[in-house]
Amino acid sequence: MGHDGPRVASLPDDSWIADIGPVDGLELVQWDLTGPPPREDIGLVVPPYLKPATLLAATAPLPALEAVQLLTAGYDGVREQLAEGVQVANAAGVHDASTAELAVALTLASLRRLPEFVLAQRRGEWLRPADLPSLADRRVLVLGYGSVGRAIARRLLPFEVELTAVASRAREGDDLVERVHGIDELPGLLPEQDVVIVVVPLTEATRTLVDMEFLARMRAGALLVNIARGPVADTGAIMRHVGRLRFALDVTDPEPLREDHPLWHAEGVLISPHTGGNTSAFRPRAVRLLREQLGRYAAGEPLANVVAPVEG
């Protein structure tokens, strides 16, 4: 990413500029992508968090644009909005803690039937369910063993689970698992699991990955937790397996769910409104990442976490 002249980067608002502070060799300007660019020589753009990828179409007039640094781990729909040759870096690591916390929270809440207790509390009813499943001794599969998947695994192991990790390709294990299985092994692994946690990125290969065949392979009474993206799971397939399986979903398709969608009231389905990364842990981790990335950019060094170099 060679560059002879001064470098300019845009941030969504002045609070980000204040939190990050001065970066040697880089001028920081405010731009939330909702209006015209404040200047033409912006080389790196940080779009607003949790805004539509379509906002990036506003970067089209920028002749010097070299890179986009996202504040999200997901990057679906981003490259389609950018000119050829513009790099995209995601916020890998920023959302690991928050998302992993939610994955464990949803798993525990569903297994221990916490939603039922909340409803009973409102009724003033003292429920005494028998033989609630514990997370201890459950066989848990983490589907998508990147940085978030590893963060989930790290938090699950103290619960005394039997953990299986699956990624796009098989590889040697690490300090958390003895082996990482390839996704081609998934059909044989699914029938053995009590809990399946899905944390894959949304790509053409993973769209509706969780389909009728996937769910049919899961054992009756097993729990599927989706903290990936809504379209990774086929909502129609989920509805057909309601009652046979349990579901804890931070993401849905469509999203948000309309008020009268049957998924809201489906038996054994727990829904949280896409809250995985948006917690108090986000801002300090995002600031640390941006300081590092902007420093790299100012020094002409390659960016970390490049997920979508758009080639001509």
Protein backbone atom coordinates (compact mmCIF):
# COMPACT_ATOMS: atom_id res chain seq x y z
CA MET A 1 0.00 0.00 0.00
CA GLY A 2 2.58 2.54 -1.16
CA HIS A 3 1.88 6.25 -0.77
CA ASP A 4 4.01 9.36 -1.29
CA GLY A 5 1.73 12.15 -0.07
CA PRO A 6 0.00 12.92 3.23
CA ARG A 7 -2.51 10.37 4.49
CA VAL A 8 -6.06 11.12 5.56
CA ALA A 9 -8.55 8.86 7.34
CA SER A 10 -12.20 9.46 8.22
CA LEU A 11 -13.96 8.41 11.42
CA PRO A 12 -17.75 8.33 12.01
CA ASP A 13 -17.86 11.19 14.53
CA ASP A 14 -15.68 13.49 16.61
CA SER A 15 -15.88 11.25 19.69
CA TRP A 16 -13.88 8.57 17.87
CA ILE A 17 -11.26 11.14 16.89
CA ALA A 18 -11.03 12.28 20.52
CA ASP A 19 -10.79 8.74 21.91
CA ILE A 20 -8.13 7.61 19.45
CA GLY A 21 -6.02 10.75 19.80
CA PRO A 22 -3.32 11.96 17.41
CA VAL A 23 -1.76 9.47 15.00
CA ASP A 24 1.65 10.42 13.67
CA GLY A 25 1.60 11.02 9.92
CA LEU A 26 -2.19 10.88 9.66
CA GLU A 27 -4.90 13.52 9.55
CA LEU A 28 -8.24 12.42 10.99
CA VAL A 29 -11.50 13.91 9.71
CA GLN A 30 -15.11 13.30 10.68
CA TRP A 31 -17.46 11.66 8.17
CA ASP A 32 -20.49 9.46 8.85
CA LEU A 33 -21.07 8.66 5.14
CA THR A 34 -24.50 10.29 5.12
CA GLY A 35 -23.33 13.35 3.21
CA PRO A 36 -20.66 14.15 0.63
CA PRO A 37 -17.03 13.45 1.60
CA PRO A 38 -15.45 16.36 3.50
CA ARG A 39 -12.40 16.11 1.22
CA GLU A 40 -11.26 14.08 -1.76
CA ASP A 41 -7.95 12.79 -0.41
CA ILE A 42 -9.40 10.40 2.18
CA GLY A 43 -7.47 7.15 1.88
CA LEU A 44 -9.03 5.10 4.67
CA VAL A 45 -12.66 5.15 5.79
CA VAL A 46 -14.09 3.86 9.07
CA PRO A 47 -17.86 3.59 8.56
CA PRO A 48 -20.33 3.94 11.44
CA TYR A 49 -20.94 0.86 13.57
CA LEU A 50 -24.09 -1.16 12.81
CA LYS A 51 -25.05 0.90 9.77
CA PRO A 52 -26.07 -0.59 6.41
CA ALA A 53 -23.24 -1.62 4.13
CA THR A 54 -24.97 0.40 1.42
CA LEU A 55 -23.68 3.58 3.09
CA LEU A 56 -20.28 2.69 1.64
CA ALA A 57 -21.58 3.62 -1.80
CA ALA A 58 -20.84 7.19 -0.66
CA THR A 59 -17.12 6.42 -1.03
CA ALA A 60 -17.41 6.18 -4.82
CA PRO A 61 -16.19 9.78 -5.44
CA LEU A 62 -12.96 9.23 -3.47
CA PRO A 63 -10.07 8.80 -5.94
CA ALA A 64 -7.51 8.10 -3.19
CA LEU A 65 -9.50 5.51 -1.25
CA GLU A 66 -7.33 2.51 -0.42
CA ALA A 67 -9.02 0.80 2.50
CA VAL A 68 -12.15 0.48 4.63
CA GLN A 69 -11.81 -0.47 8.29
CA LEU A 70 -15.03 -1.94 9.65
CA LEU A 71 -16.17 -1.83 13.26
CA THR A 72 -17.95 -5.16 12.81
CA ALA A 73 -16.57 -8.67 12.49
CA GLY A 74 -19.06 -9.42 9.70
CA TYR A 75 -18.43 -7.98 6.26
CA ASP A 76 -21.26 -9.39 4.15
CA GLY A 77 -22.49 -6.93 1.54
CA VAL A 78 -19.46 -4.64 1.90
CA ARG A 79 -17.26 -5.41 -1.07
CA GLU A 80 -20.14 -4.95 -3.49
CA GLN A 81 -20.27 -1.25 -2.53
CA LEU A 82 -16.58 -0.51 -3.14
CA ALA A 83 -14.40 0.25 -6.11
CA GLU A 84 -11.96 -2.37 -7.36
CA GLY A 85 -8.74 -2.60 -5.40
CA VAL A 86 -10.11 -1.20 -2.13
CA GLN A 87 -9.15 -3.36 0.82
CA VAL A 88 -11.59 -4.26 3.58
CA ALA A 89 -10.40 -5.02 7.12
CA ASN A 90 -12.83 -6.27 9.72
CA ALA A 91 -12.87 -5.78 13.49
CA ALA A 92 -11.55 -9.23 14.33
CA GLY A 93 -11.07 -9.54 18.07
CA VAL A 94 -13.15 -6.50 19.00
CA HIS A 95 -16.37 -8.44 19.56
CA ASP A 96 -14.91 -11.72 20.81
CA ALA A 97 -15.58 -11.16 24.52
CA SER A 98 -19.12 -9.82 24.14
CA THR A 99 -20.23 -12.35 21.55
CA ALA A 100 -18.73 -15.28 23.44
CA GLU A 101 -20.46 -14.12 26.62
CA LEU A 102 -23.79 -14.08 24.82
CA ALA A 103 -23.24 -17.50 23.27
CA VAL A 104 -22.69 -18.97 26.73
CA ALA A 105 -25.55 -16.95 28.23
CA LEU A 106 -28.03 -18.12 25.57
CA THR A 107 -26.86 -21.70 25.97
CA LEU A 108 -27.28 -21.63 29.75
CA ALA A 109 -30.58 -19.75 29.61
CA SER A 110 -32.08 -22.26 27.19
CA LEU A 111 -30.76 -25.39 28.89
CA ARG A 112 -31.76 -24.22 32.36
CA ARG A 113 -35.17 -22.95 31.08
CA LEU A 114 -34.69 -19.39 32.36
CA PRO A 115 -37.35 -17.93 30.00
CA GLU A 116 -39.94 -20.23 31.59
CA PHE A 117 -38.97 -18.99 35.04
CA VAL A 118 -39.25 -15.35 33.95
CA LEU A 119 -42.80 -15.95 32.72
CA ALA A 120 -43.67 -17.88 35.87
CA GLN A 121 -42.33 -15.04 38.01
CA ARG A 122 -44.70 -12.63 36.27
CA ARG A 123 -47.56 -14.99 37.11
CA GLY A 124 -46.38 -15.43 40.69
CA GLU A 125 -45.96 -19.16 40.08
CA TRP A 126 -43.27 -21.28 41.79
CA LEU A 127 -42.24 -23.78 39.10
CA ARG A 128 -40.49 -26.97 40.13
CA PRO A 129 -39.29 -28.59 36.89
CA ALA A 130 -37.51 -31.92 37.24
CA ASP A 131 -34.31 -33.11 35.61
CA LEU A 132 -33.22 -29.86 33.98
CA PRO A 133 -30.20 -30.39 31.73
CA SER A 134 -26.92 -28.96 32.94
CA LEU A 135 -24.26 -27.53 30.68
CA ALA A 136 -21.79 -29.75 32.53
CA ASP A 137 -21.16 -33.01 30.65
CA ARG A 138 -22.93 -31.76 27.49
CA ARG A 139 -21.32 -32.39 24.12
CA VAL A 140 -20.96 -28.96 22.53
CA LEU A 141 -19.92 -28.27 18.93
CA VAL A 142 -18.65 -24.81 17.96
CA LEU A 143 -19.19 -24.35 14.22
CA GLY A 144 -16.83 -21.61 13.05
CA TYR A 145 -13.51 -21.75 14.87
CA GLY A 146 -12.10 -18.29 14.26
CA SER A 147 -11.33 -15.72 16.92
CA VAL A 148 -14.92 -15.60 18.23
CA GLY A 149 -15.21 -19.39 18.11
CA ARG A 150 -12.03 -19.71 20.15
CA ALA A 151 -13.33 -17.15 22.66
CA ILE A 152 -16.49 -19.22 23.04
CA ALA A 153 -14.47 -22.42 23.48
CA ARG A 154 -12.30 -20.76 26.13
CA ARG A 155 -15.38 -19.83 28.14
CA LEU A 156 -17.11 -23.19 27.69
CA LEU A 157 -14.32 -25.45 28.90
CA PRO A 158 -14.61 -24.45 32.60
CA PHE A 159 -18.21 -25.68 32.43
CA GLU A 160 -16.86 -29.21 32.00
CA VAL A 161 -18.24 -29.77 28.51
CA GLU A 162 -17.01 -32.16 25.86
CA LEU A 163 -16.00 -29.70 23.15
CA THR A 164 -15.77 -30.19 19.38
CA ALA A 165 -14.50 -27.46 17.04
CA VAL A 166 -15.36 -27.27 13.32
CA ALA A 167 -13.86 -24.91 10.75
CA SER A 168 -13.89 -24.72 6.96
CA ARG A 169 -10.89 -27.08 6.81
CA ALA A 170 -9.48 -29.63 9.22
CA ARG A 171 -6.29 -28.69 11.02
CA GLU A 172 -4.28 -29.44 14.10
CA GLY A 173 -5.69 -28.42 17.44
CA ASP A 174 -4.51 -25.73 19.82
CA ASP A 175 -4.43 -25.13 23.57
CA LEU A 176 -8.22 -25.56 23.73
CA VAL A 177 -9.04 -28.52 21.47
CA GLU A 178 -7.00 -31.48 20.34
CA ARG A 179 -8.19 -31.21 16.75
CA VAL A 180 -10.21 -28.86 14.57
CA HIS A 181 -12.55 -30.79 12.29
CA GLY A 182 -13.33 -29.76 8.72
CA ILE A 183 -16.86 -28.82 7.76
CA ASP A 184 -16.99 -31.89 5.52
CA GLU A 185 -17.05 -33.94 8.74
CA LEU A 186 -20.13 -32.11 10.04
CA PRO A 187 -22.78 -34.67 8.97
CA GLY A 188 -21.11 -37.33 11.11
CA LEU A 189 -20.58 -35.03 14.06
CA LEU A 190 -24.02 -33.45 14.39
CA PRO A 191 -25.91 -36.55 15.66
CA GLU A 192 -23.52 -36.78 18.62
CA GLN A 193 -24.01 -33.22 19.92
CA ASP A 194 -26.23 -31.83 22.67
CA VAL A 195 -25.50 -28.20 21.74
CA VAL A 196 -24.41 -26.68 18.42
CA ILE A 197 -23.21 -23.06 18.46
CA VAL A 198 -23.03 -21.44 15.02
CA VAL A 199 -20.58 -18.55 14.59
CA VAL A 200 -19.58 -18.68 10.91
CA PRO A 201 -19.39 -15.57 8.70
CA LEU A 202 -22.16 -15.09 6.16
CA THR A 203 -20.87 -16.05 2.71
CA GLU A 204 -22.42 -17.77 -0.26
CA ALA A 205 -21.02 -21.03 1.13
CA THR A 206 -22.66 -20.55 4.55
CA ARG A 207 -26.00 -19.07 3.48
CA THR A 208 -28.71 -21.50 4.70
CA LEU A 209 -25.95 -23.81 5.97
CA VAL A 210 -28.36 -24.69 8.78
CA ASP A 211 -31.06 -26.26 6.63
CA MET A 212 -33.51 -29.13 6.90
CA GLU A 213 -30.79 -31.75 6.43
CA PHE A 214 -28.53 -30.09 9.02
CA LEU A 215 -31.28 -29.92 11.64
CA ALA A 216 -32.56 -33.41 10.87
CA ARG A 217 -29.13 -34.79 11.76
CA MET A 218 -29.27 -33.22 15.22
CA ARG A 219 -30.56 -35.47 17.98
CA ALA A 220 -34.01 -34.84 19.43
CA GLY A 221 -33.88 -32.35 22.30
CA ALA A 222 -30.56 -30.83 21.19
CA LEU A 223 -30.03 -27.07 21.22
CA LEU A 224 -28.97 -24.91 18.28
CA VAL A 225 -27.51 -21.48 19.15
CA ASN A 226 -27.09 -19.04 16.24
CA ILE A 227 -24.92 -15.97 16.90
CA ALA A 228 -23.67 -15.75 13.31
CA ARG A 229 -26.04 -14.09 10.85
CA GLY A 230 -29.72 -14.73 10.31
CA PRO A 231 -29.46 -16.06 6.73
CA VAL A 232 -26.96 -18.72 7.86
CA ALA A 233 -30.04 -20.60 9.11
CA ASP A 234 -33.17 -21.38 7.09
CA THR A 235 -36.07 -20.00 9.14
CA GLY A 236 -38.52 -22.37 7.48
CA ALA A 237 -36.36 -25.32 8.49
CA ILE A 238 -36.17 -24.01 12.05
CA MET A 239 -39.96 -23.76 12.23
CA ARG A 240 -40.31 -27.34 11.01
CA HIS A 241 -38.04 -28.58 13.81
CA VAL A 242 -39.63 -26.53 16.59
CA GLY A 243 -40.62 -28.95 19.34
CA ARG A 244 -38.08 -31.59 18.34
CA LEU A 245 -35.11 -29.24 18.89
CA ARG A 246 -34.52 -26.15 21.00
CA PHE A 247 -33.23 -22.88 19.56
CA ALA A 248 -31.47 -19.82 21.00
CA LEU A 249 -31.16 -17.16 18.32
CA ASP A 250 -29.41 -13.80 18.51
CA VAL A 251 -29.96 -13.40 14.77
CA THR A 252 -32.92 -14.22 12.57
CA ASP A 253 -34.02 -14.13 8.95
CA PRO A 254 -35.75 -11.77 8.40
CA GLU A 255 -34.25 -9.31 10.84
CA PRO A 256 -35.83 -7.75 12.70
CA LEU A 257 -38.70 -10.20 12.94
CA ARG A 258 -42.08 -8.68 12.24
CA GLU A 259 -44.37 -8.50 15.24
CA ASP A 260 -46.61 -11.35 14.09
CA HIS A 261 -43.83 -13.75 13.03
CA PRO A 262 -44.53 -17.25 14.42
CA LEU A 263 -40.93 -17.64 15.57
CA TRP A 264 -41.63 -15.25 18.47
CA HIS A 265 -44.01 -17.72 20.09
CA ALA A 266 -42.51 -21.02 18.96
CA GLU A 267 -41.99 -23.67 21.62
CA GLY A 268 -38.44 -23.85 22.97
CA VAL A 269 -37.19 -20.80 21.03
CA LEU A 270 -35.28 -18.04 22.82
CA ILE A 271 -34.63 -14.85 20.83
CA SER A 272 -32.31 -11.96 21.61
CA PRO A 273 -32.32 -8.95 19.22
CA HIS A 274 -28.83 -9.19 17.65
CA THR A 275 -27.00 -7.97 20.73
CA GLY A 276 -23.85 -10.09 20.45
CA GLY A 277 -21.19 -7.41 20.13
CA ASN A 278 -22.96 -4.23 21.17
CA THR A 279 -21.98 -4.01 24.84
CA SER A 280 -19.76 -1.88 27.06
CA ALA A 281 -16.82 -4.07 26.00
CA PHE A 282 -17.05 -2.82 22.41
CA ARG A 283 -15.74 0.75 22.60
CA PRO A 284 -12.39 0.23 24.39
CA ARG A 285 -11.50 -2.72 22.18
CA ALA A 286 -12.52 -0.85 19.04
CA VAL A 287 -10.39 2.15 20.02
CA ARG A 288 -7.35 -0.10 20.55
CA LEU A 289 -7.87 -1.73 17.15
CA LEU A 290 -8.29 1.59 15.35
CA ARG A 291 -5.15 3.04 16.93
CA GLU A 292 -3.19 0.03 15.71
CA GLN A 293 -4.70 0.00 12.23
CA LEU A 294 -4.43 3.76 11.70
CA GLY A 295 -0.83 3.61 12.85
CA ARG A 296 -0.16 0.89 10.30
CA TYR A 297 -1.84 2.89 7.59
CA ALA A 298 0.06 6.08 8.44
CA ALA A 299 3.36 4.17 8.31
CA GLY A 300 2.51 2.52 4.99
CA GLU A 301 2.40 -0.92 6.59
CA PRO A 302 -0.09 -3.66 5.61
CA LEU A 303 -3.34 -3.62 7.57
CA ALA A 304 -4.25 -6.54 9.81
CA ASN A 305 -7.51 -8.47 9.43
CA VAL A 306 -7.86 -7.87 5.68
CA VAL A 307 -10.86 -9.98 4.68
CA ALA A 308 -11.82 -8.71 1.24
CA PRO A 309 -9.18 -7.36 -1.08
CA VAL A 310 -11.30 -6.37 -4.07
CA GLU A 311 -9.31 -7.38 -7.10
CA GLY A 312 -9.80 -5.99 -10.58
